[in-house]
N, C-alpha and C. Protein backbone atom coordinates (compact mmCIF):
# COMPACT_ATOMS: atom_id res chain seq x y z
N UNK A 1 -0.45 8.80 13.39
CA UNK A 1 -0.70 9.98 12.61
C UNK A 1 -0.10 9.84 11.21
N UNK A 2 1.07 9.24 11.11
CA UNK A 2 1.73 9.07 9.81
C UNK A 2 0.84 8.26 8.86
N UNK A 3 0.14 7.22 9.38
CA UNK A 3 -0.71 6.39 8.55
C UNK A 3 -1.78 7.23 7.91
N UNK A 4 -2.45 8.05 8.69
CA UNK A 4 -3.54 8.86 8.16
C UNK A 4 -3.00 9.85 7.14
N UNK A 5 -1.91 10.50 7.43
CA UNK A 5 -1.32 11.46 6.50
C UNK A 5 -0.93 10.78 5.20
N UNK A 6 -0.27 9.61 5.27
CA UNK A 6 0.17 8.90 4.08
C UNK A 6 -0.99 8.47 3.20
N UNK A 7 -2.00 7.86 3.79
CA UNK A 7 -3.14 7.37 3.02
C UNK A 7 -3.99 8.53 2.51
N UNK A 8 -4.12 9.63 3.26
CA UNK A 8 -4.90 10.77 2.79
C UNK A 8 -4.31 11.32 1.51
N UNK A 9 -2.99 11.49 1.46
CA UNK A 9 -2.33 11.99 0.25
C UNK A 9 -2.51 11.05 -0.92
N UNK A 10 -2.37 9.77 -0.67
CA UNK A 10 -2.53 8.78 -1.74
C UNK A 10 -3.98 8.75 -2.21
N UNK A 11 -4.93 8.90 -1.29
CA UNK A 11 -6.35 8.89 -1.63
C UNK A 11 -6.67 10.07 -2.54
N UNK A 12 -6.13 11.23 -2.23
CA UNK A 12 -6.37 12.42 -3.04
C UNK A 12 -5.88 12.23 -4.47
N UNK A 13 -4.67 11.72 -4.64
CA UNK A 13 -4.12 11.48 -5.97
C UNK A 13 -4.95 10.49 -6.76
N UNK A 14 -5.33 9.39 -6.11
CA UNK A 14 -6.14 8.38 -6.79
C UNK A 14 -7.51 8.93 -7.15
N UNK A 15 -8.07 9.80 -6.32
CA UNK A 15 -9.38 10.41 -6.59
C UNK A 15 -9.34 11.27 -7.85
N UNK A 16 -8.26 12.01 -8.01
CA UNK A 16 -8.12 12.88 -9.19
C UNK A 16 -8.09 12.03 -10.46
N UNK A 17 -7.29 10.98 -10.46
CA UNK A 17 -7.20 10.11 -11.64
C UNK A 17 -8.53 9.43 -11.91
N UNK A 18 -9.21 8.98 -10.85
CA UNK A 18 -10.48 8.31 -11.01
C UNK A 18 -11.53 9.26 -11.57
N UNK A 19 -11.54 10.50 -11.08
CA UNK A 19 -12.50 11.49 -11.55
C UNK A 19 -12.31 11.79 -13.03
N UNK A 20 -11.11 11.66 -13.53
CA UNK A 20 -10.84 11.91 -14.94
C UNK A 20 -11.26 10.73 -15.82
N UNK A 21 -11.73 9.63 -15.22
CA UNK A 21 -12.19 8.49 -15.99
C UNK A 21 -11.08 7.61 -16.53
N UNK A 22 -9.84 7.92 -16.17
CA UNK A 22 -8.70 7.17 -16.67
C UNK A 22 -8.51 5.89 -15.87
N UNK A 23 -8.71 5.99 -14.58
CA UNK A 23 -8.45 4.84 -13.74
C UNK A 23 -9.56 4.65 -12.71
N UNK A 24 -9.51 3.49 -12.09
CA UNK A 24 -10.48 3.14 -11.04
C UNK A 24 -9.68 2.62 -9.86
N UNK A 25 -9.90 3.23 -8.70
CA UNK A 25 -9.18 2.83 -7.50
C UNK A 25 -10.12 2.17 -6.50
N UNK A 26 -9.57 1.25 -5.75
CA UNK A 26 -10.28 0.57 -4.67
C UNK A 26 -9.45 0.76 -3.41
N UNK A 27 -10.08 1.25 -2.37
CA UNK A 27 -9.41 1.49 -1.09
C UNK A 27 -9.83 0.39 -0.13
N UNK A 28 -8.85 -0.20 0.54
CA UNK A 28 -9.14 -1.36 1.39
C UNK A 28 -8.50 -1.22 2.75
N UNK A 29 -9.14 -1.83 3.74
CA UNK A 29 -8.54 -1.88 5.06
C UNK A 29 -8.83 -3.22 5.70
N UNK A 30 -7.89 -3.65 6.53
CA UNK A 30 -8.02 -4.92 7.24
C UNK A 30 -8.81 -4.69 8.51
N UNK A 31 -9.83 -5.50 8.69
CA UNK A 31 -10.61 -5.44 9.92
C UNK A 31 -10.19 -6.54 10.87
N UNK A 32 -11.08 -6.88 11.76
CA UNK A 32 -10.81 -7.93 12.73
C UNK A 32 -11.03 -9.30 12.10
N UNK A 33 -10.37 -10.30 12.64
CA UNK A 33 -10.59 -11.71 12.29
C UNK A 33 -10.53 -11.98 10.78
N UNK A 34 -9.45 -11.56 10.14
CA UNK A 34 -9.21 -11.84 8.71
C UNK A 34 -10.25 -11.21 7.79
N UNK A 35 -10.81 -10.08 8.19
CA UNK A 35 -11.79 -9.41 7.34
C UNK A 35 -11.14 -8.23 6.64
N UNK A 36 -11.39 -8.12 5.35
CA UNK A 36 -10.96 -6.97 4.57
C UNK A 36 -12.20 -6.27 4.05
N UNK A 37 -12.20 -4.94 4.10
CA UNK A 37 -13.30 -4.15 3.57
C UNK A 37 -12.77 -3.28 2.44
N UNK A 38 -13.51 -3.25 1.35
CA UNK A 38 -13.12 -2.45 0.20
C UNK A 38 -14.14 -1.36 -0.07
N UNK A 39 -13.65 -0.24 -0.61
CA UNK A 39 -14.48 0.92 -0.86
C UNK A 39 -14.12 1.52 -2.21
N UNK A 40 -15.13 2.02 -2.93
CA UNK A 40 -14.86 2.74 -4.16
C UNK A 40 -14.94 4.25 -3.95
N UNK A 41 -15.50 4.66 -2.82
CA UNK A 41 -15.61 6.08 -2.48
C UNK A 41 -14.52 6.43 -1.46
N UNK A 42 -13.58 7.29 -1.84
CA UNK A 42 -12.47 7.61 -0.93
C UNK A 42 -12.92 8.27 0.37
N UNK A 43 -14.01 9.02 0.35
CA UNK A 43 -14.45 9.66 1.60
C UNK A 43 -15.03 8.64 2.57
N UNK A 44 -15.71 7.63 2.08
CA UNK A 44 -16.23 6.57 2.94
C UNK A 44 -15.06 5.77 3.52
N UNK A 45 -14.07 5.48 2.67
CA UNK A 45 -12.86 4.80 3.13
C UNK A 45 -12.16 5.61 4.22
N UNK A 46 -12.01 6.91 3.98
CA UNK A 46 -11.31 7.78 4.93
C UNK A 46 -12.00 7.75 6.29
N UNK A 47 -13.33 7.77 6.30
CA UNK A 47 -14.07 7.70 7.55
C UNK A 47 -13.82 6.38 8.27
N UNK A 48 -13.84 5.28 7.53
CA UNK A 48 -13.58 3.96 8.13
C UNK A 48 -12.15 3.86 8.63
N UNK A 49 -11.21 4.44 7.90
CA UNK A 49 -9.80 4.41 8.28
C UNK A 49 -9.58 5.13 9.61
N UNK A 50 -10.16 6.28 9.74
CA UNK A 50 -10.01 7.07 10.97
C UNK A 50 -10.68 6.35 12.15
N UNK A 51 -11.84 5.77 11.90
CA UNK A 51 -12.59 5.09 12.97
C UNK A 51 -11.90 3.79 13.42
N UNK A 52 -11.44 2.99 12.46
CA UNK A 52 -10.91 1.66 12.79
C UNK A 52 -9.42 1.62 13.06
N UNK A 53 -8.64 2.55 12.50
CA UNK A 53 -7.18 2.55 12.65
C UNK A 53 -6.59 1.15 12.41
N UNK A 54 -6.76 0.63 11.20
CA UNK A 54 -6.31 -0.74 10.91
C UNK A 54 -4.79 -0.87 10.86
N UNK A 55 -4.32 -2.07 11.09
CA UNK A 55 -2.89 -2.36 11.00
C UNK A 55 -2.45 -2.44 9.54
N UNK A 56 -3.39 -2.72 8.63
CA UNK A 56 -3.06 -2.82 7.20
C UNK A 56 -4.12 -2.09 6.39
N UNK A 57 -3.67 -1.47 5.31
CA UNK A 57 -4.57 -0.87 4.34
C UNK A 57 -3.93 -0.99 2.97
N UNK A 58 -4.74 -0.77 1.95
CA UNK A 58 -4.22 -0.90 0.58
C UNK A 58 -5.04 -0.03 -0.36
N UNK A 59 -4.41 0.35 -1.45
CA UNK A 59 -5.10 1.01 -2.56
C UNK A 59 -4.70 0.24 -3.81
N UNK A 60 -5.71 -0.21 -4.55
CA UNK A 60 -5.48 -0.97 -5.78
C UNK A 60 -6.05 -0.15 -6.93
N UNK A 61 -5.22 0.11 -7.94
CA UNK A 61 -5.65 0.95 -9.05
C UNK A 61 -5.57 0.19 -10.37
N UNK A 62 -6.65 0.31 -11.13
CA UNK A 62 -6.72 -0.22 -12.49
C UNK A 62 -6.79 0.95 -13.44
N UNK A 63 -6.03 0.91 -14.51
CA UNK A 63 -6.08 1.94 -15.54
C UNK A 63 -6.45 1.25 -16.84
N UNK A 64 -7.52 1.74 -17.42
CA UNK A 64 -8.06 1.14 -18.64
C UNK A 64 -8.23 -0.38 -18.48
N UNK A 65 -8.71 -0.79 -17.31
CA UNK A 65 -9.01 -2.19 -17.05
C UNK A 65 -7.82 -3.05 -16.64
N UNK A 66 -6.63 -2.49 -16.60
CA UNK A 66 -5.43 -3.26 -16.24
C UNK A 66 -4.92 -2.83 -14.87
N UNK A 67 -4.47 -3.79 -14.08
CA UNK A 67 -3.89 -3.49 -12.78
C UNK A 67 -2.60 -2.70 -12.99
N UNK A 68 -2.56 -1.48 -12.44
CA UNK A 68 -1.40 -0.62 -12.66
C UNK A 68 -0.66 -0.25 -11.38
N UNK A 69 -1.30 -0.45 -10.22
CA UNK A 69 -0.61 -0.08 -8.99
C UNK A 69 -1.29 -0.72 -7.78
N UNK A 70 -0.46 -1.20 -6.89
CA UNK A 70 -0.93 -1.69 -5.59
C UNK A 70 -0.07 -1.01 -4.53
N UNK A 71 -0.74 -0.32 -3.63
CA UNK A 71 -0.04 0.30 -2.50
C UNK A 71 -0.54 -0.40 -1.25
N UNK A 72 0.40 -0.93 -0.49
CA UNK A 72 0.07 -1.70 0.72
C UNK A 72 0.80 -1.06 1.90
N UNK A 73 0.04 -0.72 2.94
CA UNK A 73 0.64 -0.09 4.12
C UNK A 73 0.41 -0.96 5.34
N UNK A 74 1.48 -1.13 6.13
CA UNK A 74 1.43 -1.88 7.38
C UNK A 74 1.90 -0.98 8.50
N UNK A 75 1.08 -0.87 9.55
CA UNK A 75 1.46 -0.14 10.75
C UNK A 75 0.69 -0.73 11.93
N UNK A 76 1.30 -1.69 12.62
CA UNK A 76 0.63 -2.30 13.76
C UNK A 76 0.30 -1.27 14.84
N UNK A 77 -0.81 -1.50 15.56
CA UNK A 77 -1.20 -0.62 16.66
C UNK A 77 -0.05 -0.48 17.65
N UNK A 78 0.23 0.72 18.06
CA UNK A 78 1.27 0.97 19.04
C UNK A 78 2.69 0.96 18.49
N UNK A 79 2.86 0.62 17.23
CA UNK A 79 4.21 0.58 16.64
C UNK A 79 4.68 2.01 16.36
N UNK A 80 5.98 2.20 16.40
CA UNK A 80 6.55 3.51 16.08
C UNK A 80 7.12 3.51 14.67
N UNK A 81 6.56 2.68 13.81
CA UNK A 81 6.99 2.59 12.43
C UNK A 81 5.81 2.26 11.53
N UNK A 82 5.97 2.52 10.25
CA UNK A 82 5.04 2.04 9.24
C UNK A 82 5.84 1.75 7.98
N UNK A 83 5.31 0.84 7.17
CA UNK A 83 5.95 0.47 5.91
C UNK A 83 4.91 0.62 4.81
N UNK A 84 5.28 1.36 3.76
CA UNK A 84 4.41 1.55 2.61
C UNK A 84 5.11 0.94 1.40
N UNK A 85 4.49 -0.08 0.83
CA UNK A 85 5.02 -0.74 -0.37
C UNK A 85 4.18 -0.31 -1.57
N UNK A 86 4.86 0.07 -2.64
CA UNK A 86 4.19 0.44 -3.89
C UNK A 86 4.67 -0.52 -4.97
N UNK A 87 3.75 -1.29 -5.53
CA UNK A 87 4.05 -2.26 -6.58
C UNK A 87 3.49 -1.73 -7.90
N UNK A 88 4.34 -1.70 -8.93
CA UNK A 88 3.91 -1.29 -10.26
C UNK A 88 4.51 -2.26 -11.28
N UNK A 89 3.83 -2.43 -12.42
CA UNK A 89 4.40 -3.29 -13.45
C UNK A 89 5.74 -2.75 -13.93
N UNK A 90 6.70 -3.65 -14.12
CA UNK A 90 8.02 -3.26 -14.61
C UNK A 90 8.08 -3.49 -16.11
N UNK A 91 8.81 -2.63 -16.81
CA UNK A 91 8.99 -2.87 -18.23
C UNK A 91 9.78 -4.16 -18.40
N UNK A 92 9.37 -4.97 -19.32
CA UNK A 92 10.04 -6.26 -19.52
C UNK A 92 9.47 -7.35 -18.63
N UNK A 93 8.39 -7.05 -17.92
CA UNK A 93 7.75 -8.06 -17.06
C UNK A 93 8.16 -7.93 -15.61
N UNK A 94 7.40 -8.56 -14.77
CA UNK A 94 7.66 -8.51 -13.35
C UNK A 94 7.04 -7.28 -12.71
N UNK A 95 7.43 -7.05 -11.48
CA UNK A 95 6.93 -5.92 -10.71
C UNK A 95 8.09 -5.13 -10.12
N UNK A 96 7.90 -3.84 -10.06
CA UNK A 96 8.86 -2.99 -9.38
C UNK A 96 8.27 -2.66 -8.02
N UNK A 97 9.04 -2.90 -6.98
CA UNK A 97 8.62 -2.60 -5.61
C UNK A 97 9.42 -1.41 -5.11
N UNK A 98 8.71 -0.41 -4.62
CA UNK A 98 9.36 0.68 -3.89
C UNK A 98 8.81 0.65 -2.48
N UNK A 99 9.68 0.40 -1.51
CA UNK A 99 9.29 0.31 -0.10
C UNK A 99 9.82 1.53 0.64
N UNK A 100 8.94 2.18 1.36
CA UNK A 100 9.35 3.28 2.23
C UNK A 100 9.01 2.89 3.66
N UNK A 101 10.05 2.80 4.49
CA UNK A 101 9.88 2.50 5.90
C UNK A 101 9.99 3.82 6.67
N UNK A 102 8.96 4.13 7.43
CA UNK A 102 8.94 5.33 8.25
C UNK A 102 9.25 4.91 9.69
N UNK A 103 10.36 5.40 10.21
CA UNK A 103 10.80 5.06 11.56
C UNK A 103 10.66 6.32 12.42
N UNK A 104 9.57 6.40 13.17
CA UNK A 104 9.26 7.61 13.91
C UNK A 104 10.29 7.90 15.00
N UNK A 105 10.68 6.90 15.76
CA UNK A 105 11.62 7.10 16.86
C UNK A 105 12.96 7.65 16.36
N UNK A 106 13.42 7.16 15.21
CA UNK A 106 14.71 7.60 14.66
C UNK A 106 14.58 8.81 13.74
N UNK A 107 13.33 9.27 13.49
CA UNK A 107 13.06 10.38 12.59
C UNK A 107 13.65 10.11 11.20
N UNK A 108 13.42 8.88 10.71
CA UNK A 108 13.97 8.49 9.41
C UNK A 108 12.91 7.89 8.51
N UNK A 109 13.13 8.08 7.22
CA UNK A 109 12.41 7.31 6.22
C UNK A 109 13.47 6.67 5.32
N UNK A 110 13.33 5.37 5.14
CA UNK A 110 14.29 4.61 4.34
C UNK A 110 13.55 4.10 3.10
N UNK A 111 14.04 4.48 1.93
CA UNK A 111 13.43 4.06 0.68
C UNK A 111 14.28 2.94 0.09
N UNK A 112 13.61 1.84 -0.24
CA UNK A 112 14.28 0.69 -0.85
C UNK A 112 13.54 0.31 -2.12
N UNK A 113 14.20 -0.44 -2.97
CA UNK A 113 13.53 -0.92 -4.18
C UNK A 113 14.00 -2.33 -4.50
N UNK A 114 13.18 -3.00 -5.28
CA UNK A 114 13.51 -4.35 -5.74
C UNK A 114 12.69 -4.64 -6.99
N UNK A 115 13.21 -5.52 -7.80
CA UNK A 115 12.49 -6.03 -8.96
C UNK A 115 12.02 -7.43 -8.62
N UNK A 116 10.75 -7.68 -8.83
CA UNK A 116 10.18 -9.00 -8.53
C UNK A 116 9.88 -9.70 -9.84
N UNK A 117 10.52 -10.82 -10.03
CA UNK A 117 10.29 -11.65 -11.23
C UNK A 117 10.08 -13.07 -10.76
N UNK A 118 9.14 -13.73 -11.38
CA UNK A 118 8.84 -15.13 -11.07
C UNK A 118 8.63 -15.34 -9.56
N UNK A 119 7.97 -14.36 -8.94
CA UNK A 119 7.63 -14.51 -7.53
C UNK A 119 8.76 -14.29 -6.55
N UNK A 120 9.89 -13.72 -7.00
CA UNK A 120 11.03 -13.50 -6.09
C UNK A 120 11.59 -12.10 -6.29
N UNK A 121 11.94 -11.47 -5.17
CA UNK A 121 12.62 -10.18 -5.24
C UNK A 121 14.10 -10.47 -5.46
N UNK A 122 14.63 -9.99 -6.57
CA UNK A 122 16.00 -10.36 -6.91
C UNK A 122 16.88 -9.13 -6.98
N UNK A 123 18.04 -9.16 -6.40
CA UNK A 123 18.48 -10.15 -5.43
C UNK A 123 17.85 -9.90 -4.06
N UNK A 124 17.61 -8.64 -3.71
CA UNK A 124 16.95 -8.29 -2.46
C UNK A 124 16.62 -6.81 -2.52
N UNK A 125 16.02 -6.31 -1.47
CA UNK A 125 15.76 -4.88 -1.41
C UNK A 125 17.07 -4.12 -1.31
N UNK A 126 17.23 -3.08 -2.11
CA UNK A 126 18.42 -2.26 -2.02
C UNK A 126 18.01 -0.86 -1.57
N UNK A 127 18.84 -0.26 -0.74
CA UNK A 127 18.55 1.06 -0.21
C UNK A 127 18.77 2.10 -1.31
N UNK A 128 17.76 2.94 -1.53
CA UNK A 128 17.81 3.99 -2.53
C UNK A 128 18.07 5.34 -1.87
N UNK A 129 17.46 5.57 -0.70
CA UNK A 129 17.62 6.85 -0.02
C UNK A 129 17.34 6.69 1.47
N UNK A 130 18.02 7.51 2.25
CA UNK A 130 17.76 7.62 3.68
C UNK A 130 17.58 9.10 3.97
N UNK A 131 16.38 9.46 4.43
CA UNK A 131 16.04 10.85 4.69
C UNK A 131 15.43 10.98 6.08
N UNK A 132 15.37 12.21 6.57
CA UNK A 132 14.60 12.45 7.79
C UNK A 132 13.13 12.36 7.41
N UNK A 133 12.26 12.32 8.39
CA UNK A 133 10.82 12.29 8.10
C UNK A 133 10.37 13.57 7.41
N UNK A 134 11.16 14.62 7.54
CA UNK A 134 10.85 15.88 6.88
C UNK A 134 11.38 15.92 5.44
N UNK A 135 12.03 14.84 4.99
CA UNK A 135 12.49 14.73 3.62
C UNK A 135 13.90 15.20 3.36
N UNK A 136 14.63 15.56 4.40
CA UNK A 136 16.00 16.03 4.21
C UNK A 136 16.96 14.83 4.19
N UNK A 137 17.91 14.88 3.27
CA UNK A 137 18.90 13.80 3.18
C UNK A 137 19.72 13.73 4.45
N UNK A 138 20.13 12.51 4.80
CA UNK A 138 20.94 12.32 5.99
C UNK A 138 21.96 11.22 5.71
N UNK A 139 23.08 11.29 6.39
CA UNK A 139 24.12 10.27 6.23
C UNK A 139 24.01 9.20 7.30
N UNK A 140 22.91 9.19 8.02
CA UNK A 140 22.70 8.21 9.08
C UNK A 140 22.74 6.79 8.51
N UNK A 141 23.39 5.88 9.23
CA UNK A 141 23.40 4.48 8.81
C UNK A 141 21.98 3.91 8.92
N UNK A 142 21.67 2.97 8.07
CA UNK A 142 20.34 2.37 8.06
C UNK A 142 20.20 1.47 9.29
N UNK A 143 19.24 1.78 10.16
CA UNK A 143 19.02 0.94 11.34
C UNK A 143 18.28 -0.33 10.93
N UNK A 144 18.12 -1.29 11.84
CA UNK A 144 17.30 -2.46 11.52
C UNK A 144 15.89 -2.01 11.12
N UNK A 145 15.39 -2.60 10.05
CA UNK A 145 14.08 -2.22 9.52
C UNK A 145 13.03 -3.25 9.90
N UNK A 146 11.77 -2.83 9.94
CA UNK A 146 10.69 -3.77 10.24
C UNK A 146 10.68 -4.92 9.23
N UNK A 147 10.35 -6.09 9.71
CA UNK A 147 10.30 -7.28 8.86
C UNK A 147 8.88 -7.45 8.30
N UNK A 148 8.64 -6.84 7.17
CA UNK A 148 7.35 -6.93 6.49
C UNK A 148 7.57 -7.76 5.23
N UNK A 149 6.83 -8.85 5.08
CA UNK A 149 7.04 -9.70 3.90
C UNK A 149 6.76 -8.95 2.59
N UNK A 150 7.52 -9.27 1.58
CA UNK A 150 7.29 -8.75 0.24
C UNK A 150 6.16 -9.55 -0.39
N UNK A 151 5.25 -8.86 -1.05
CA UNK A 151 4.17 -9.54 -1.77
C UNK A 151 4.72 -9.92 -3.14
N UNK A 152 4.91 -11.20 -3.37
CA UNK A 152 5.49 -11.62 -4.64
C UNK A 152 4.47 -11.65 -5.77
N UNK A 153 3.20 -11.79 -5.44
CA UNK A 153 2.14 -11.78 -6.45
C UNK A 153 0.91 -11.10 -5.85
N UNK A 154 0.72 -9.82 -6.11
CA UNK A 154 -0.41 -9.10 -5.52
C UNK A 154 -1.77 -9.75 -5.79
N UNK A 155 -1.91 -10.44 -6.92
CA UNK A 155 -3.19 -11.06 -7.26
C UNK A 155 -3.62 -12.11 -6.25
N UNK A 156 -2.68 -12.64 -5.47
CA UNK A 156 -3.02 -13.70 -4.51
C UNK A 156 -3.22 -13.19 -3.09
N UNK A 157 -3.18 -11.88 -2.88
CA UNK A 157 -3.35 -11.34 -1.53
C UNK A 157 -4.82 -11.37 -1.13
N UNK A 158 -5.09 -11.45 0.16
CA UNK A 158 -6.50 -11.46 0.62
C UNK A 158 -7.28 -10.24 0.15
N UNK A 159 -6.66 -9.05 0.16
CA UNK A 159 -7.43 -7.87 -0.24
C UNK A 159 -7.78 -7.88 -1.71
N UNK A 160 -6.98 -8.56 -2.55
CA UNK A 160 -7.32 -8.62 -3.98
C UNK A 160 -8.55 -9.49 -4.23
N UNK A 161 -8.81 -10.44 -3.35
CA UNK A 161 -10.04 -11.22 -3.48
C UNK A 161 -11.26 -10.32 -3.33
N UNK A 162 -11.18 -9.35 -2.42
CA UNK A 162 -12.27 -8.40 -2.23
C UNK A 162 -12.39 -7.50 -3.46
N UNK A 163 -11.27 -7.02 -3.98
CA UNK A 163 -11.29 -6.17 -5.18
C UNK A 163 -11.90 -6.92 -6.36
N UNK A 164 -11.51 -8.15 -6.55
CA UNK A 164 -12.04 -8.95 -7.67
C UNK A 164 -13.55 -9.07 -7.58
N UNK A 165 -14.05 -9.33 -6.38
CA UNK A 165 -15.50 -9.44 -6.20
C UNK A 165 -16.17 -8.09 -6.41
N UNK A 166 -15.56 -7.03 -5.92
CA UNK A 166 -16.14 -5.70 -6.12
C UNK A 166 -16.22 -5.33 -7.60
N UNK A 167 -15.20 -5.67 -8.36
CA UNK A 167 -15.19 -5.37 -9.79
C UNK A 167 -16.25 -6.19 -10.51
N UNK A 168 -16.40 -7.43 -10.11
CA UNK A 168 -17.37 -8.32 -10.75
C UNK A 168 -18.81 -7.93 -10.42
N UNK A 169 -19.06 -7.58 -9.17
CA UNK A 169 -20.41 -7.26 -8.71
C UNK A 169 -20.76 -5.77 -8.83
N UNK A 170 -19.77 -4.93 -9.08
CA UNK A 170 -19.96 -3.47 -9.16
C UNK A 170 -20.62 -2.92 -7.89
N UNK A 171 -20.05 -3.26 -6.73
CA UNK A 171 -20.58 -2.76 -5.46
C UNK A 171 -19.62 -1.70 -4.90
N UNK A 172 -20.16 -0.66 -4.24
CA UNK A 172 -19.31 0.41 -3.73
C UNK A 172 -18.56 0.07 -2.43
N UNK A 173 -19.11 -0.85 -1.65
CA UNK A 173 -18.48 -1.26 -0.38
C UNK A 173 -18.70 -2.74 -0.20
N UNK A 174 -17.64 -3.43 0.23
CA UNK A 174 -17.74 -4.88 0.44
C UNK A 174 -16.77 -5.30 1.52
N UNK A 175 -17.26 -6.07 2.48
CA UNK A 175 -16.41 -6.64 3.53
C UNK A 175 -16.51 -8.16 3.45
N UNK A 176 -15.37 -8.82 3.51
CA UNK A 176 -15.32 -10.28 3.44
C UNK A 176 -14.25 -10.82 4.35
N UNK A 177 -14.55 -11.97 4.96
CA UNK A 177 -13.52 -12.69 5.70
C UNK A 177 -12.72 -13.47 4.68
N UNK A 178 -11.42 -13.24 4.68
CA UNK A 178 -10.53 -13.93 3.73
C UNK A 178 -9.27 -14.34 4.48
N UNK A 179 -8.64 -15.38 4.02
CA UNK A 179 -7.40 -15.86 4.67
C UNK A 179 -6.26 -15.83 3.70
């Protein structure tokens, strides 16, 4: 349920910006056997998301033709956690990563951040906040977090290959097997 709620909110925000002509968003989900599907229509994406319940999804946003945000969500089937990574360009170069780990069993959300330069998160993810899932601050110690790899270069991810082709071909929906 958390996956659908998280992506629905993000989809709404991206839709507003896209409707204003400022930015263009691509919504993606991982299918079976290394297949990623991309959508330019958030309602079509939402339908596919609910039907397929993918372990991974992403939203890639371009503003005035430049990549301005990549949101990547991981939530394996049957897991009691999800991780949402938000990558944005950092001033002075590199990428700023904000990771939010949602731990359903512990009723916690742990927010971490890192600066990625030259393909490395330096020095590592640091904890910024620990809250309940309802957003209330808590003094709870940070439990072990899911081991989700940091994307050091979003341009090299499988889902970005789909986005690149969609931008080049101007197609509203595209599914491709990528590794």
